[in-house]
PDB file of N, CA and C in Angstrom:
ATOM      1  N   MET A   1      28.549   0.562  63.838  1.00  0.00           N
ATOM      2  CA  MET A   1      28.557   2.000  63.854  1.00  0.00           C
ATOM      3  C   MET A   1      27.323   2.558  63.089  1.00  0.00           C
ATOM      4  N   LEU A   2      26.683   3.597  63.736  1.00  0.00           N
ATOM      5  CA  LEU A   2      25.692   4.342  63.309  1.00  0.00           C
ATOM      6  C   LEU A   2      25.782   5.138  62.071  1.00  0.00           C
ATOM      7  N   LYS A   3      24.836   4.995  61.217  1.00  0.00           N
ATOM      8  CA  LYS A   3      24.797   5.988  60.008  1.00  0.00           C
ATOM      9  C   LYS A   3      24.281   7.358  60.514  1.00  0.00           C
ATOM     10  N   GLN A   4      25.037   8.412  60.104  1.00  0.00           N
ATOM     11  CA  GLN A   4      24.674   9.751  60.305  1.00  0.00           C
ATOM     12  C   GLN A   4      23.490  10.300  58.921  1.00  0.00           C
ATOM     13  N   VAL A   5      22.560  10.789  59.574  1.00  0.00           N
ATOM     14  CA  VAL A   5      21.237  11.131  58.722  1.00  0.00           C
ATOM     15  C   VAL A   5      21.663  12.598  58.563  1.00  0.00           C
ATOM     16  N   GLU A   6      21.486  12.960  57.395  1.00  0.00           N
ATOM     17  CA  GLU A   6      21.516  14.326  57.029  1.00  0.00           C
ATOM     18  C   GLU A   6      20.154  15.042  56.457  1.00  0.00           C
ATOM     19  N   LYS A   7      19.705  16.364  56.902  1.00  0.00           N
ATOM     20  CA  LYS A   7      18.347  16.765  56.624  1.00  0.00           C
ATOM     21  C   LYS A   7      18.715  18.111  56.252  1.00  0.00           C
ATOM     22  N   SER A   8      17.845  18.877  55.391  1.00  0.00           N
ATOM     23  CA  SER A   8      17.878  20.208  55.002  1.00  0.00           C
ATOM     24  C   SER A   8      16.447  20.694  55.288  1.00  0.00           C
ATOM     25  N   PHE A   9      16.332  21.944  55.498  1.00  0.00           N
ATOM     26  CA  PHE A   9      14.959  22.527  55.859  1.00  0.00           C
ATOM     27  C   PHE A   9      15.234  24.256  55.534  1.00  0.00           C
ATOM     28  N   PHE A  10      13.863  24.843  55.086  1.00  0.00           N
ATOM     29  CA  PHE A  10      13.780  26.121  54.970  1.00  0.00           C
ATOM     30  C   PHE A  10      13.621  26.866  56.308  1.00  0.00           C
ATOM     31  N   MET A  11      13.810  27.960  56.514  1.00  0.00           N
ATOM     32  CA  MET A  11      13.524  28.396  57.833  1.00  0.00           C
ATOM     33  C   MET A  11      13.225  29.845  57.812  1.00  0.00           C
ATOM     34  N   ASP A  12      12.488  30.327  59.043  1.00  0.00           N
ATOM     35  CA  ASP A  12      12.129  31.656  59.033  1.00  0.00           C
ATOM     36  C   ASP A  12      12.489  31.978  60.249  1.00  0.00           C
ATOM     37  N   HIS A  13      12.562  33.334  60.656  1.00  0.00           N
ATOM     38  CA  HIS A  13      12.856  33.914  62.103  1.00  0.00           C
ATOM     39  C   HIS A  13      11.771  34.888  62.569  1.00  0.00           C
ATOM     40  N   ASP A  14      11.964  34.987  63.887  1.00  0.00           N
ATOM     41  CA  ASP A  14      11.136  36.006  64.592  1.00  0.00           C
ATOM     42  C   ASP A  14      12.156  36.712  65.578  1.00  0.00           C
ATOM     43  N   TYR A  15      12.086  37.978  65.749  1.00  0.00           N
ATOM     44  CA  TYR A  15      13.151  38.804  66.771  1.00  0.00           C
ATOM     45  C   TYR A  15      12.242  39.455  67.648  1.00  0.00           C
ATOM     46  N   ASP A  16      12.495  39.133  68.760  1.00  0.00           N
ATOM     47  CA  ASP A  16      11.853  39.972  70.087  1.00  0.00           C
ATOM     48  C   ASP A  16      12.777  40.942  70.487  1.00  0.00           C
ATOM     49  N   PHE A  17      12.392  42.087  70.118  1.00  0.00           N
ATOM     50  CA  PHE A  17      13.053  43.364  70.248  1.00  0.00           C
ATOM     51  C   PHE A  17      13.221  43.553  71.766  1.00  0.00           C
ATOM     52  N   GLN A  18      12.160  43.542  72.339  1.00  0.00           N
ATOM     53  CA  GLN A  18      12.303  43.919  73.929  1.00  0.00           C
ATOM     54  C   GLN A  18      13.259  42.850  74.593  1.00  0.00           C
ATOM     55  N   SER A  19      13.217  41.558  74.370  1.00  0.00           N
ATOM     56  CA  SER A  19      14.047  40.620  75.125  1.00  0.00           C
ATOM     57  C   SER A  19      15.212  40.387  74.426  1.00  0.00           C
ATOM     58  N   ASP A  20      15.380  41.034  73.311  1.00  0.00           N
ATOM     59  CA  ASP A  20      16.861  40.600  72.585  1.00  0.00           C
ATOM     60  C   ASP A  20      16.791  39.091  72.256  1.00  0.00           C
ATOM     61  N   SER A  21      15.785  38.540  71.656  1.00  0.00           N
ATOM     62  CA  SER A  21      16.084  36.938  71.397  1.00  0.00           C
ATOM     63  C   SER A  21      15.689  36.818  69.955  1.00  0.00           C
ATOM     64  N   ILE A  22      16.298  35.985  69.429  1.00  0.00           N
ATOM     65  CA  ILE A  22      15.981  35.775  67.835  1.00  0.00           C
ATOM     66  C   ILE A  22      15.643  34.198  67.866  1.00  0.00           C
ATOM     67  N   PHE A  23      14.366  33.844  67.191  1.00  0.00           N
ATOM     68  CA  PHE A  23      14.113  32.650  67.312  1.00  0.00           C
ATOM     69  C   PHE A  23      13.956  32.041  65.569  1.00  0.00           C
ATOM     70  N   LEU A  24      14.661  31.243  65.488  1.00  0.00           N
ATOM     71  CA  LEU A  24      14.922  30.671  63.946  1.00  0.00           C
ATOM     72  C   LEU A  24      14.252  29.090  64.079  1.00  0.00           C
ATOM     73  N   TYR A  25      13.279  29.017  63.016  1.00  0.00           N
ATOM     74  CA  TYR A  25      12.641  27.784  62.995  1.00  0.00           C
ATOM     75  C   TYR A  25      12.380  27.293  61.693  1.00  0.00           C
ATOM     76  N   ILE A  26      12.118  26.011  61.560  1.00  0.00           N
ATOM     77  CA  ILE A  26      11.660  25.484  60.224  1.00  0.00           C
ATOM     78  C   ILE A  26      10.304  26.004  59.812  1.00  0.00           C
ATOM     79  N   THR A  27      10.104  25.878  58.444  1.00  0.00           N
ATOM     80  CA  THR A  27       8.876  26.458  57.755  1.00  0.00           C
ATOM     81  C   THR A  27       7.899  25.069  57.613  1.00  0.00           C
ATOM     82  N   GLU A  28       8.415  23.967  57.878  1.00  0.00           N
ATOM     83  CA  GLU A  28       7.564  22.714  57.698  1.00  0.00           C
ATOM     84  C   GLU A  28       6.974  22.540  59.222  1.00  0.00           C
ATOM     85  N   ASP A  29       5.757  21.941  59.273  1.00  0.00           N
ATOM     86  CA  ASP A  29       5.036  21.627  60.250  1.00  0.00           C
ATOM     87  C   ASP A  29       5.894  20.466  60.878  1.00  0.00           C
ATOM     88  N   TYR A  30       5.933  20.573  62.256  1.00  0.00           N
ATOM     89  CA  TYR A  30       6.536  19.469  63.154  1.00  0.00           C
ATOM     90  C   TYR A  30       6.049  19.556  64.350  1.00  0.00           C
ATOM     91  N   GLU A  31       6.319  18.406  65.030  1.00  0.00           N
ATOM     92  CA  GLU A  31       5.766  18.161  66.350  1.00  0.00           C
ATOM     93  C   GLU A  31       6.974  18.141  67.208  1.00  0.00           C
ATOM     94  N   TYR A  32       6.899  19.182  68.323  1.00  0.00           N
ATOM     95  CA  TYR A  32       7.771  19.600  69.206  1.00  0.00           C
ATOM     96  C   TYR A  32       7.869  18.455  70.084  1.00  0.00           C
ATOM     97  N   LYS A  33       9.195  18.057  70.598  1.00  0.00           N
ATOM     98  CA  LYS A  33       9.338  16.903  71.601  1.00  0.00           C
ATOM     99  C   LYS A  33      10.249  17.563  72.719  1.00  0.00           C
ATOM    100  N   ARG A  34      11.141  18.404  72.648  1.00  0.00           N
ATOM    101  CA  ARG A  34      11.989  18.714  73.801  1.00  0.00           C
ATOM    102  C   ARG A  34      13.099  19.701  73.279  1.00  0.00           C
ATOM    103  N   SER A  35      13.447  20.425  74.372  1.00  0.00           N
ATOM    104  CA  SER A  35      14.480  21.561  74.171  1.00  0.00           C
ATOM    105  C   SER A  35      15.965  21.050  74.779  1.00  0.00           C
ATOM    106  N   LEU A  36      16.896  21.821  74.408  1.00  0.00           N
ATOM    107  CA  LEU A  36      18.197  21.422  75.201  1.00  0.00           C
ATOM    108  C   LEU A  36      18.805  22.797  75.078  1.00  0.00           C
ATOM    109  N   ARG A  37      19.246  23.151  76.289  1.00  0.00           N
ATOM    110  CA  ARG A  37      20.286  24.360  76.437  1.00  0.00           C
ATOM    111  C   ARG A  37      21.701  24.114  76.243  1.00  0.00           C
ATOM    112  N   LEU A  38      22.233  24.551  75.251  1.00  0.00           N
ATOM    113  CA  LEU A  38      23.544  24.324  74.809  1.00  0.00           C
ATOM    114  C   LEU A  38      24.498  24.973  75.733  1.00  0.00           C
ATOM    115  N   ASP A  39      24.078  26.461  75.971  1.00  0.00           N
ATOM    116  CA  ASP A  39      24.948  27.427  76.753  1.00  0.00           C
ATOM    117  C   ASP A  39      24.044  28.340  77.373  1.00  0.00           C
ATOM    118  N   LYS A  40      24.175  29.228  78.115  1.00  0.00           N
ATOM    119  CA  LYS A  40      23.574  30.246  78.724  1.00  0.00           C
ATOM    120  C   LYS A  40      22.719  30.919  77.610  1.00  0.00           C
ATOM    121  N   ASP A  41      23.046  31.072  76.480  1.00  0.00           N
ATOM    122  CA  ASP A  41      22.089  31.968  75.694  1.00  0.00           C
ATOM    123  C   ASP A  41      21.636  30.882  74.276  1.00  0.00           C
ATOM    124  N   ILE A  42      21.875  29.700  74.232  1.00  0.00           N
ATOM    125  CA  ILE A  42      21.467  29.081  73.152  1.00  0.00           C
ATOM    126  C   ILE A  42      20.572  27.994  73.500  1.00  0.00           C
ATOM    127  N   ILE A  43      19.251  27.940  73.043  1.00  0.00           N
ATOM    128  CA  ILE A  43      18.471  26.729  73.255  1.00  0.00           C
ATOM    129  C   ILE A  43      17.775  26.155  71.929  1.00  0.00           C
ATOM    130  N   LEU A  44      18.055  24.801  71.925  1.00  0.00           N
ATOM    131  CA  LEU A  44      17.782  24.135  70.692  1.00  0.00           C
ATOM    132  C   LEU A  44      16.514  23.249  70.791  1.00  0.00           C
ATOM    133  N   ASP A  45      15.708  23.435  69.724  1.00  0.00           N
ATOM    134  CA  ASP A  45      14.328  22.730  69.957  1.00  0.00           C
ATOM    135  C   ASP A  45      14.517  21.258  68.906  1.00  0.00           C
ATOM    136  N   PHE A  46      13.823  20.317  69.607  1.00  0.00           N
ATOM    137  CA  PHE A  46      13.817  18.919  68.651  1.00  0.00           C
ATOM    138  C   PHE A  46      12.613  18.501  68.298  1.00  0.00           C
ATOM    139  N   ASP A  47      12.173  17.764  67.292  1.00  0.00           N
ATOM    140  CA  ASP A  47      11.001  17.307  67.022  1.00  0.00           C
ATOM    141  C   ASP A  47      10.628  15.794  67.614  1.00  0.00           C
ATOM    142  N   LYS A  48       9.456  15.186  67.326  1.00  0.00           N
ATOM    143  CA  LYS A  48       9.367  13.787  67.962  1.00  0.00           C
ATOM    144  C   LYS A  48      10.490  12.879  67.216  1.00  0.00           C
ATOM    145  N   ASN A  49      11.198  13.157  66.018  1.00  0.00           N
ATOM    146  CA  ASN A  49      12.021  12.373  65.377  1.00  0.00           C
ATOM    147  C   ASN A  49      13.470  12.550  65.927  1.00  0.00           C
ATOM    148  N   ASN A  50      13.419  13.575  66.990  1.00  0.00           N
ATOM    149  CA  ASN A  50      14.968  14.189  67.466  1.00  0.00           C
ATOM    150  C   ASN A  50      15.745  14.833  66.427  1.00  0.00           C
ATOM    151  N   THR A  51      15.035  15.510  65.556  1.00  0.00           N
ATOM    152  CA  THR A  51      15.747  16.413  64.439  1.00  0.00           C
ATOM    153  C   THR A  51      15.624  17.913  64.988  1.00  0.00           C
ATOM    154  N   PRO A  52      16.710  18.505  64.952  1.00  0.00           N
ATOM    155  CA  PRO A  52      16.702  19.968  65.286  1.00  0.00           C
ATOM    156  C   PRO A  52      15.795  20.909  64.576  1.00  0.00           C
ATOM    157  N   VAL A  53      14.851  21.423  65.002  1.00  0.00           N
ATOM    158  CA  VAL A  53      13.825  22.293  64.205  1.00  0.00           C
ATOM    159  C   VAL A  53      13.755  23.712  64.700  1.00  0.00           C
ATOM    160  N   ALA A  54      14.344  24.332  65.555  1.00  0.00           N
ATOM    161  CA  ALA A  54      14.381  25.585  66.065  1.00  0.00           C
ATOM    162  C   ALA A  54      15.460  25.716  66.946  1.00  0.00           C
ATOM    163  N   ILE A  55      15.867  27.086  67.047  1.00  0.00           N
ATOM    164  CA  ILE A  55      17.049  27.608  67.830  1.00  0.00           C
ATOM    165  C   ILE A  55      16.717  28.866  68.206  1.00  0.00           C
ATOM    166  N   GLU A  56      16.835  29.219  69.561  1.00  0.00           N
ATOM    167  CA  GLU A  56      16.435  30.441  70.095  1.00  0.00           C
ATOM    168  C   GLU A  56      18.092  31.128  70.718  1.00  0.00           C
ATOM    169  N   ILE A  57      18.305  32.317  70.284  1.00  0.00           N
ATOM    170  CA  ILE A  57      19.574  32.778  70.676  1.00  0.00           C
ATOM    171  C   ILE A  57      19.172  34.062  71.560  1.00  0.00           C
ATOM    172  N   LEU A  58      19.378  33.830  72.538  1.00  0.00           N
ATOM    173  CA  LEU A  58      19.154  34.910  73.747  1.00  0.00           C
ATOM    174  C   LEU A  58      20.195  35.690  73.624  1.00  0.00           C
ATOM    175  N   HIS A  59      19.856  37.274  74.104  1.00  0.00           N
ATOM    176  CA  HIS A  59      20.911  38.247  74.129  1.00  0.00           C
ATOM    177  C   HIS A  59      21.655  38.141  72.797  1.00  0.00           C
ATOM    178  N   ALA A  60      21.072  38.119  71.700  1.00  0.00           N
ATOM    179  CA  ALA A  60      21.387  38.125  70.282  1.00  0.00           C
ATOM    180  C   ALA A  60      22.424  39.474  70.068  1.00  0.00           C
ATOM    181  N   SER A  61      22.006  40.718  70.436  1.00  0.00           N
ATOM    182  CA  SER A  61      22.678  41.680  69.902  1.00  0.00           C
ATOM    183  C   SER A  61      24.056  41.836  70.706  1.00  0.00           C
ATOM    184  N   LYS A  62      23.998  41.280  71.874  1.00  0.00           N
ATOM    185  CA  LYS A  62      25.466  41.267  72.712  1.00  0.00           C
ATOM    186  C   LYS A  62      26.268  39.928  72.056  1.00  0.00           C
ATOM    187  N   ARG A  63      25.661  38.982  71.828  1.00  0.00           N
ATOM    188  CA  ARG A  63      26.427  37.734  70.973  1.00  0.00           C
ATOM    189  C   ARG A  63      27.008  38.215  69.693  1.00  0.00           C
ATOM    190  N   PHE A  64      26.180  39.042  68.818  1.00  0.00           N
ATOM    191  CA  PHE A  64      26.864  39.355  67.434  1.00  0.00           C
ATOM    192  C   PHE A  64      27.543  40.780  67.614  1.00  0.00           C
ATOM    193  N   ASN A  65      27.386  41.435  68.726  1.00  0.00           N
ATOM    194  CA  ASN A  65      27.972  42.861  69.107  1.00  0.00           C
ATOM    195  C   ASN A  65      27.604  43.864  68.029  1.00  0.00           C
ATOM    196  N   ILE A  66      26.136  43.997  67.912  1.00  0.00           N
ATOM    197  CA  ILE A  66      25.710  44.920  67.047  1.00  0.00           C
ATOM    198  C   ILE A  66      24.454  45.475  67.785  1.00  0.00           C
ATOM    199  N   ASP A  67      23.841  46.665  67.098  1.00  0.00           N
ATOM    200  CA  ASP A  67      22.703  47.119  67.705  1.00  0.00           C
ATOM    201  C   ASP A  67      21.463  46.321  67.479  1.00  0.00           C
ATOM    202  N   LYS A  68      20.500  46.243  68.230  1.00  0.00           N
ATOM    203  CA  LYS A  68      19.409  45.368  68.238  1.00  0.00           C
ATOM    204  C   LYS A  68      18.538  45.650  66.920  1.00  0.00           C
ATOM    205  N   ILE A  69      18.395  46.891  66.368  1.00  0.00           N
ATOM    206  CA  ILE A  69      17.649  47.115  65.330  1.00  0.00           C
ATOM    207  C   ILE A  69      18.092  46.587  63.994  1.00  0.00           C
ATOM    208  N   HIS A  70      19.314  46.030  63.962  1.00  0.00           N
ATOM    209  CA  HIS A  70      19.876  45.394  62.824  1.00  0.00           C
ATOM    210  C   HIS A  70      19.395  43.880  62.715  1.00  0.00           C
ATOM    211  N   LEU A  71      18.906  43.218  63.829  1.00  0.00           N
ATOM    212  CA  LEU A  71      18.444  42.047  63.994  1.00  0.00           C
ATOM    213  C   LEU A  71      16.968  41.594  63.512  1.00  0.00           C
ATOM    214  N   LYS A  72      16.196  42.669  63.367  1.00  0.00           N
ATOM    215  CA  LYS A  72      15.011  42.547  62.955  1.00  0.00           C
ATOM    216  C   LYS A  72      14.843  41.773  61.377  1.00  0.00           C
ATOM    217  N   ASN A  73      15.501  42.261  60.648  1.00  0.00           N
ATOM    218  CA  ASN A  73      15.492  41.520  59.249  1.00  0.00           C
ATOM    219  C   ASN A  73      16.790  41.214  58.665  1.00  0.00           C
ATOM    220  N   PRO A  74      17.086  40.058  59.287  1.00  0.00           N
ATOM    221  CA  PRO A  74      18.299  39.480  58.318  1.00  0.00           C
ATOM    222  C   PRO A  74      18.007  39.183  57.072  1.00  0.00           C
ATOM    223  N   ILE A  75      18.977  39.249  56.124  1.00  0.00           N
ATOM    224  CA  ILE A  75      18.658  39.145  54.742  1.00  0.00           C
ATOM    225  C   ILE A  75      18.953  37.588  54.453  1.00  0.00           C
ATOM    226  N   ASP A  76      19.745  37.149  54.987  1.00  0.00           N
ATOM    227  CA  ASP A  76      19.947  35.511  54.760  1.00  0.00           C
ATOM    228  C   ASP A  76      20.485  34.962  56.088  1.00  0.00           C
ATOM    229  N   ILE A  77      20.057  33.613  56.023  1.00  0.00           N
ATOM    230  CA  ILE A  77      20.535  32.977  57.129  1.00  0.00           C
ATOM    231  C   ILE A  77      21.156  31.469  56.665  1.00  0.00           C
ATOM    232  N   ASN A  78      22.309  30.853  57.082  1.00  0.00           N
ATOM    233  CA  ASN A  78      22.753  29.548  56.880  1.00  0.00           C
ATOM    234  C   ASN A  78      23.119  29.020  57.952  1.00  0.00           C
ATOM    235  N   MET A  79      22.668  27.898  58.345  1.00  0.00           N
ATOM    236  CA  MET A  79      23.252  27.510  59.672  1.00  0.00           C
ATOM    237  C   MET A  79      23.012  25.882  59.724  1.00  0.00           C
ATOM    238  N   ASN A  80      24.208  25.248  60.113  1.00  0.00           N
ATOM    239  CA  ASN A  80      24.586  23.777  60.216  1.00  0.00           C
ATOM    240  C   ASN A  80      24.460  23.271  61.755  1.00  0.00           C
ATOM    241  N   ILE A  81      23.844  22.202  61.776  1.00  0.00           N
ATOM    242  CA  ILE A  81      23.779  21.676  63.398  1.00  0.00           C
ATOM    243  C   ILE A  81      24.196  20.204  63.136  1.00  0.00           C
ATOM    244  N   GLU A  82      25.093  20.038  63.846  1.00  0.00           N
ATOM    245  CA  GLU A  82      25.824  18.556  63.850  1.00  0.00           C
ATOM    246  C   GLU A  82      25.551  18.009  65.325  1.00  0.00           C
ATOM    247  N   VAL A  83      24.827  16.962  65.306  1.00  0.00           N
ATOM    248  CA  VAL A  83      24.652  16.116  66.359  1.00  0.00           C
ATOM    249  C   VAL A  83      25.625  14.783  66.289  1.00  0.00           C
ATOM    250  N   GLY A  84      26.687  14.890  67.191  1.00  0.00           N
ATOM    251  CA  GLY A  84      27.476  13.557  67.445  1.00  0.00           C
ATOM    252  C   GLY A  84      27.020  12.885  68.682  1.00  0.00           C
ATOM    253  N   LYS A  85      27.730  11.693  68.723  1.00  0.00           N
ATOM    254  CA  LYS A  85      27.452  10.905  69.998  1.00  0.00           C
ATOM    255  C   LYS A  85      27.446  11.759  71.376  1.00  0.00           C
ATOM    256  N   ASP A  86      28.702  12.602  71.258  1.00  0.00           N
ATOM    257  CA  ASP A  86      28.847  13.207  72.783  1.00  0.00           C
ATOM    258  C   ASP A  86      28.751  14.769  72.627  1.00  0.00           C
ATOM    259  N   TYR A  87      28.251  15.123  71.501  1.00  0.00           N
ATOM    260  CA  TYR A  87      28.544  16.865  71.231  1.00  0.00           C
ATOM    261  C   TYR A  87      27.234  17.130  70.057  1.00  0.00           C
ATOM    262  N   ILE A  88      27.041  18.549  70.347  1.00  0.00           N
ATOM    263  CA  ILE A  88      26.161  18.962  69.377  1.00  0.00           C
ATOM    264  C   ILE A  88      26.972  20.430  68.867  1.00  0.00           C
ATOM    265  N   HIS A  89      27.013  20.654  67.806  1.00  0.00           N
ATOM    266  CA  HIS A  89      27.754  21.874  67.175  1.00  0.00           C
ATOM    267  C   HIS A  89      27.130  22.529  66.157  1.00  0.00           C
ATOM    268  N   ILE A  90      27.042  23.885  66.373  1.00  0.00           N
ATOM    269  CA  ILE A  90      26.006  24.668  65.667  1.00  0.00           C
ATOM    270  C   ILE A  90      27.290  25.696  65.017  1.00  0.00           C
ATOM    271  N   LYS A  91      27.114  25.932  63.730  1.00  0.00           N
ATOM    272  CA  LYS A  91      27.792  27.025  62.791  1.00  0.00           C
ATOM    273  C   LYS A  91      26.753  27.748  62.040  1.00  0.00           C
ATOM    274  N   ALA A  92      26.806  28.970  62.319  1.00  0.00           N
ATOM    275  CA  ALA A  92      25.747  29.805  61.587  1.00  0.00           C
ATOM    276  C   ALA A  92      26.468  31.134  61.081  1.00  0.00           C
ATOM    277  N   ALA A  93      25.690  31.493  59.729  1.00  0.00           N
ATOM    278  CA  ALA A  93      26.194  32.652  59.215  1.00  0.00           C
ATOM    279  C   ALA A  93      24.973  33.444  58.813  1.00  0.00           C
ATOM    280  N   PHE A  94      25.048  34.710  59.055  1.00  0.00           N
ATOM    281  CA  PHE A  94      23.854  35.744  59.028  1.00  0.00           C
ATOM    282  C   PHE A  94      24.246  36.714  58.113  1.00  0.00           C
ATOM    283  N   ASN A  95      23.366  37.275  57.317  1.00  0.00           N
ATOM    284  CA  ASN A  95      23.751  38.651  56.657  1.00  0.00           C
ATOM    285  C   ASN A  95      22.886  39.648  57.108  1.00  0.00           C
ATOM    286  N   VAL A  96      23.266  40.886  57.650  1.00  0.00           N
ATOM    287  CA  VAL A  96      22.176  41.848  58.157  1.00  0.00           C
ATOM    288  C   VAL A  96      22.684  43.291  57.198  1.00  0.00           C
ATOM    289  N   ILE A  97      21.992  44.258  57.136  1.00  0.00           N
ATOM    290  CA  ILE A  97      22.318  45.534  56.603  1.00  0.00           C
ATOM    291  C   ILE A  97      22.612  46.438  57.545  1.00  0.00           C
ATOM    292  N   ILE A  98      23.681  46.927  57.474  1.00  0.00           N
ATOM    293  CA  ILE A  98      23.976  48.142  58.649  1.00  0.00           C
ATOM    294  C   ILE A  98      24.734  49.168  57.866  1.00  0.00           C
ATOM    295  N   ARG A  99      24.048  50.291  57.994  1.00  0.00           N
ATOM    296  CA  ARG A  99      24.231  51.525  57.104  1.00  0.00           C
ATOM    297  C   ARG A  99      24.480  51.303  55.560  1.00  0.00           C
ATOM    298  N   ASN A 100      23.413  50.516  55.079  1.00  0.00           N
ATOM    299  CA  ASN A 100      23.401  50.197  53.611  1.00  0.00           C
ATOM    300  C   ASN A 100      24.358  49.294  52.960  1.00  0.00           C
ATOM    301  N   LYS A 101      24.939  48.515  53.925  1.00  0.00           N
ATOM    302  CA  LYS A 101      25.915  47.646  53.765  1.00  0.00           C
ATOM    303  C   LYS A 101      25.391  46.229  54.160  1.00  0.00           C
ATOM    304  N   ASN A 102      25.811  45.132  53.251  1.00  0.00           N
ATOM    305  CA  ASN A 102      25.580  44.020  53.620  1.00  0.00           C
ATOM    306  C   ASN A 102      26.639  43.480  54.632  1.00  0.00           C
ATOM    307  N   THR A 103      26.327  43.196  55.858  1.00  0.00           N
ATOM    308  CA  THR A 103      27.280  42.791  56.947  1.00  0.00           C
ATOM    309  C   THR A 103      27.213  41.382  57.334  1.00  0.00           C
ATOM    310  N   PRO A 104      28.234  40.475  57.115  1.00  0.00           N
ATOM    311  CA  PRO A 104      28.094  39.116  57.569  1.00  0.00           C
ATOM    312  C   PRO A 104      28.310  39.083  59.067  1.00  0.00           C
ATOM    313  N   LEU A 105      27.598  38.106  59.541  1.00  0.00           N
ATOM    314  CA  LEU A 105      27.738  37.695  61.329  1.00  0.00           C
ATOM    315  C   LEU A 105      27.849  36.357  61.348  1.00  0.00           C
ATOM    316  N   GLU A 106      28.668  35.699  61.979  1.00  0.00           N
ATOM    317  CA  GLU A 106      28.847  34.180  62.485  1.00  0.00           C
ATOM    318  C   GLU A 106      28.876  34.028  63.679  1.00  0.00           C
ATOM    319  N   PHE A 107      28.397  32.798  64.173  1.00  0.00           N
ATOM    320  CA  PHE A 107      28.703  32.246  65.278  1.00  0.00           C
ATOM    321  C   PHE A 107      28.737  30.823  65.530  1.00  0.00           C
ATOM    322  N   ASN A 108      29.582  30.213  66.203  1.00  0.00           N
ATOM    323  CA  ASN A 108      29.796  29.074  66.507  1.00  0.00           C
ATOM    324  C   ASN A 108      29.322  28.670  68.000  1.00  0.00           C
ATOM    325  N   ALA A 109      28.665  27.466  68.363  1.00  0.00           N
ATOM    326  CA  ALA A 109      28.460  27.116  69.615  1.00  0.00           C
ATOM    327  C   ALA A 109      28.519  25.662  69.715  1.00  0.00           C
ATOM    328  N   GLU A 110      28.932  25.079  70.895  1.00  0.00           N
ATOM    329  CA  GLU A 110      29.004  23.692  70.994  1.00  0.00           C
ATOM    330  C   GLU A 110      28.697  23.184  72.511  1.00  0.00           C
ATOM    331  N   GLY A 111      27.868  22.376  72.414  1.00  0.00           N
ATOM    332  CA  GLY A 111      27.491  21.530  73.874  1.00  0.00           C
ATOM    333  C   GLY A 111      27.581  20.278  73.832  1.00  0.00           C
ATOM    334  N   GLU A 112      27.057  19.732  75.132  1.00  0.00           N
ATOM    335  CA  GLU A 112      26.984  18.281  75.486  1.00  0.00           C
ATOM    336  C   GLU A 112      25.884  17.411  74.608  1.00  0.00           C
ATOM    337  N   ASN A 113      25.849  16.538  74.081  1.00  0.00           N
ATOM    338  CA  ASN A 113      24.734  15.574  73.667  1.00  0.00           C
ATOM    339  C   ASN A 113      24.212  14.911  75.103  1.00  0.00           C
ATOM    340  N   SER A 114      23.636  15.473  75.995  1.00  0.00           N
ATOM    341  CA  SER A 114      23.494  15.156  77.252  1.00  0.00           C
ATOM    342  C   SER A 114      21.974  14.134  77.338  1.00  0.00           C
ATOM    343  N   ILE A 115      21.445  14.169  75.976  1.00  0.00           N
ATOM    344  CA  ILE A 115      20.280  13.333  76.111  1.00  0.00           C
ATOM    345  C   ILE A 115      20.346  12.432  75.001  1.00  0.00           C
ATOM    346  N   ASN A 116      21.289  11.991  74.651  1.00  0.00           N
ATOM    347  CA  ASN A 116      21.862  10.711  73.831  1.00  0.00           C
ATOM    348  C   ASN A 116      20.825  11.047  72.331  1.00  0.00           C
ATOM    349  N   LEU A 117      20.990  11.984  71.900  1.00  0.00           N
ATOM    350  CA  LEU A 117      20.292  12.218  70.498  1.00  0.00           C
ATOM    351  C   LEU A 117      21.111  11.319  69.510  1.00  0.00           C
ATOM    352  N   PRO A 118      20.294  10.859  68.523  1.00  0.00           N
ATOM    353  CA  PRO A 118      21.041  10.027  67.415  1.00  0.00           C
ATOM    354  C   PRO A 118      21.984  11.128  66.656  1.00  0.00           C
ATOM    355  N   SER A 119      22.907  10.672  66.057  1.00  0.00           N
ATOM    356  CA  SER A 119      23.780  11.322  65.177  1.00  0.00           C
ATOM    357  C   SER A 119      22.942  11.840  63.967  1.00  0.00           C
ATOM    358  N   THR A 120      23.195  13.123  63.505  1.00  0.00           N
ATOM    359  CA  THR A 120      22.577  13.784  62.512  1.00  0.00           C
ATOM    360  C   THR A 120      23.219  15.209  61.991  1.00  0.00           C
ATOM    361  N   GLU A 121      23.086  15.552  60.913  1.00  0.00           N
ATOM    362  CA  GLU A 121      23.460  16.875  60.458  1.00  0.00           C
ATOM    363  C   GLU A 121      22.432  17.483  59.750  1.00  0.00           C
ATOM    364  N   THR A 122      21.978  18.739  60.127  1.00  0.00           N
ATOM    365  CA  THR A 122      20.903  19.325  59.605  1.00  0.00           C
ATOM    366  C   THR A 122      21.215  20.796  59.147  1.00  0.00           C
ATOM    367  N   HIS A 123      20.806  21.126  58.052  1.00  0.00           N
ATOM    368  CA  HIS A 123      21.208  22.571  57.345  1.00  0.00           C
ATOM    369  C   HIS A 123      19.943  23.260  57.272  1.00  0.00           C
ATOM    370  N   PHE A 124      20.105  24.347  57.725  1.00  0.00           N
ATOM    371  CA  PHE A 124      18.746  25.478  57.757  1.00  0.00           C
ATOM    372  C   PHE A 124      19.148  26.722  56.730  1.00  0.00           C
ATOM    373  N   ALA A 125      18.267  27.161  55.995  1.00  0.00           N
ATOM    374  CA  ALA A 125      18.623  28.196  55.172  1.00  0.00           C
ATOM    375  C   ALA A 125      17.235  29.188  54.945  1.00  0.00           C
ATOM    376  N   ALA A 126      17.798  30.271  55.058  1.00  0.00           N
ATOM    377  CA  ALA A 126      16.608  31.275  54.546  1.00  0.00           C
ATOM    378  C   ALA A 126      17.086  32.518  53.917  1.00  0.00           C
ATOM    379  N   ALA A 127      16.558  33.032  53.051  1.00  0.00           N
ATOM    380  CA  ALA A 127      16.877  34.115  52.579  1.00  0.00           C
ATOM    381  C   ALA A 127      15.744  35.264  52.238  1.00  0.00           C
ATOM    382  N   ALA A 128      15.839  36.692  52.373  1.00  0.00           N
ATOM    383  CA  ALA A 128      14.782  37.687  51.994  1.00  0.00           C
ATOM    384  C   ALA A 128      14.616  37.965  50.782  1.00  0.00           C
ATOM    385  N   ILE A 129      13.150  38.043  50.428  1.00  0.00           N
ATOM    386  CA  ILE A 129      13.100  38.055  48.857  1.00  0.00           C
ATOM    387  C   ILE A 129      13.040  39.558  48.532  1.00  0.00           C
TER     388      ILE A 129
END
């Protein structure tokens, strides 16, 4: 039985208003190895150690059902990525300000571990100061 590795990282984000994509990435330096598309709107990046280090969410405002302007400055982000033998599962929670109110957004995504990544669980967190 393989041991599951757990890792935690602080993250930052970039939002491309024109293409409506949000890019969430760890703040530590890493050596990019490959990307995996989980579904038509989720791309997950891995480093040379097969650790998830970044995620891009395409058509983000549609996925969260909010206006694009609200995705420019999320106030906090918490995300867990679990890689199992046959699957990759992402559970994320964001908070954004809409009409001066803290508004929670959530999403879950799951895809196939088609590139035989080792089992791992990774936690990402970011908060505005």
